[in-house]
Protein backbone atom coordinates (compact mmCIF):
# COMPACT_ATOMS: atom_id res chain seq x y z
CA UNK A 1 49.74 -64.77 205.47
CA UNK A 2 50.89 -65.93 202.07
CA UNK A 3 53.59 -68.60 202.15
CA UNK A 4 55.35 -70.24 199.24
CA UNK A 5 57.87 -72.98 199.97
CA UNK A 6 59.97 -74.38 197.14
CA UNK A 7 61.74 -77.71 197.20
CA UNK A 8 63.37 -80.19 194.86
CA UNK A 9 66.48 -78.36 193.77
CA UNK A 10 69.89 -79.96 193.69
CA UNK A 11 73.05 -80.76 191.77
CA UNK A 12 72.58 -82.80 188.61
CA UNK A 13 74.44 -83.53 185.39
CA UNK A 14 73.59 -82.20 181.98
CA UNK A 15 70.76 -84.22 180.46
CA UNK A 16 69.24 -85.14 183.82
CA UNK A 17 65.80 -84.22 185.11
CA UNK A 18 64.51 -82.53 188.24
CA UNK A 19 61.07 -81.72 189.55
CA UNK A 20 60.60 -78.62 191.65
CA UNK A 21 57.63 -78.20 193.96
CA UNK A 22 56.10 -75.09 195.48
CA UNK A 23 53.68 -75.56 198.37
CA UNK A 24 51.38 -72.58 198.81
CA UNK A 25 49.24 -71.40 201.70
CA UNK A 26 47.42 -68.30 202.91
CA UNK A 27 45.42 -67.58 199.77
CA UNK A 28 42.97 -69.20 197.36
CA UNK A 29 45.44 -71.23 195.36
CA UNK A 30 42.97 -72.67 192.86
CA UNK A 31 42.09 -69.20 191.58
CA UNK A 32 45.66 -68.01 191.35
CA UNK A 33 48.05 -67.72 188.48
CA UNK A 34 51.38 -69.24 189.48
CA UNK A 35 54.78 -68.74 187.89
CA UNK A 36 58.31 -70.01 188.17
CA UNK A 37 61.20 -67.61 187.75
CA UNK A 38 64.94 -68.17 187.89
CA UNK A 39 67.94 -66.02 188.63
CA UNK A 40 71.48 -66.90 187.69
CA UNK A 41 74.44 -65.22 189.45
CA UNK A 42 74.88 -61.65 188.21
CA UNK A 43 71.75 -61.78 186.08
CA UNK A 44 68.18 -60.57 186.36
CA UNK A 45 65.33 -62.75 187.54
CA UNK A 46 63.64 -64.21 184.45
CA UNK A 47 60.23 -65.73 183.94
CA UNK A 48 60.43 -69.44 183.16
CA UNK A 49 56.85 -70.71 183.12
CA UNK A 50 53.30 -69.77 184.10
CA UNK A 51 50.18 -71.77 184.80
CA UNK A 52 46.79 -70.08 184.96
CA UNK A 53 43.80 -71.02 187.09
CA UNK A 54 42.22 -72.60 184.00
CA UNK A 55 45.37 -74.76 183.59
CA UNK A 56 46.64 -72.91 180.52
CA UNK A 57 50.42 -72.62 180.43
CA UNK A 58 53.15 -70.54 178.89
CA UNK A 59 56.93 -70.95 178.76
CA UNK A 60 60.05 -68.97 178.05
CA UNK A 61 61.57 -69.87 174.69
CA UNK A 62 64.71 -71.08 176.43
CA UNK A 63 62.86 -73.91 178.18
CA UNK A 64 60.04 -74.65 175.75
CA UNK A 65 59.90 -78.35 174.97
CA UNK A 66 62.06 -79.27 177.97
CA UNK A 67 60.12 -77.95 180.98
CA UNK A 68 56.51 -78.44 181.95
CA UNK A 69 54.49 -76.72 184.66
CA UNK A 70 51.54 -78.28 186.44
CA UNK A 71 49.41 -77.74 189.49
CA UNK A 72 47.54 -79.83 192.03
CA UNK A 73 44.83 -77.67 193.54
CA UNK A 74 43.97 -80.35 196.11
CA UNK A 75 47.52 -80.04 197.45
CA UNK A 76 47.94 -76.30 196.85
CA UNK A 77 51.12 -77.13 194.99
CA UNK A 78 52.65 -76.09 191.68
CA UNK A 79 55.36 -78.14 190.00
CA UNK A 80 58.09 -77.49 187.48
CA UNK A 81 59.29 -80.60 185.68
CA UNK A 82 62.67 -79.92 184.11
CA UNK A 83 64.03 -82.38 181.57
CA UNK A 84 67.16 -82.39 179.43
CA UNK A 85 68.80 -79.95 181.80
CA UNK A 86 71.68 -77.83 180.54
CA UNK A 87 74.43 -76.00 182.44
CA UNK A 88 72.77 -72.72 181.45
CA UNK A 89 69.71 -73.78 183.49
CA UNK A 90 71.80 -73.30 186.64
CA UNK A 91 70.05 -70.72 188.81
CA UNK A 92 67.98 -70.16 191.91
CA UNK A 93 64.40 -71.00 191.02
CA UNK A 94 61.58 -69.02 192.62
CA UNK A 95 57.86 -69.63 192.87
CA UNK A 96 55.61 -66.59 192.39
CA UNK A 97 51.94 -66.12 193.20
CA UNK A 98 51.08 -63.55 190.56
CA UNK A 99 47.95 -61.88 191.91
CA UNK A 100 49.46 -61.71 195.39
CA UNK A 101 52.88 -60.72 194.07
CA UNK A 102 54.41 -63.05 196.63
CA UNK A 103 57.66 -65.01 196.32
CA UNK A 104 59.13 -68.10 197.83
CA UNK A 105 62.65 -68.27 199.22
CA UNK A 106 64.03 -70.04 196.17
CA UNK A 107 65.69 -73.38 195.53
CA UNK A 108 69.10 -73.83 193.93
CA UNK A 109 69.45 -75.85 190.76
CA UNK A 110 72.97 -76.58 189.57
CA UNK A 111 73.63 -78.43 186.33
CA UNK A 112 77.16 -79.66 185.72
CA UNK A 113 78.52 -80.31 182.25
């Protein structure tokens, strides 16, 4: 079955960096579009970044220029590099396998001011 396991979250200060990882299994990762979403307390889950099978990427305006998304098909892993973090980036971050519509369990990112 499809499994997505996120890791790399934590508590950091404003301006710091974090790299999230999402290890995937149970489907053909290299052919899959992968996304990162985030959900802050009391808010909807929002799309943060997407990487396509052909390595094209897209980003939400709120993170453009600060976050990058990448993938390693040999490791079945997608990454979210987050730089210049802000308190408003605080949320649970989720990995999403688009074609499978499958979600990971999420990883908490907390940015203190």
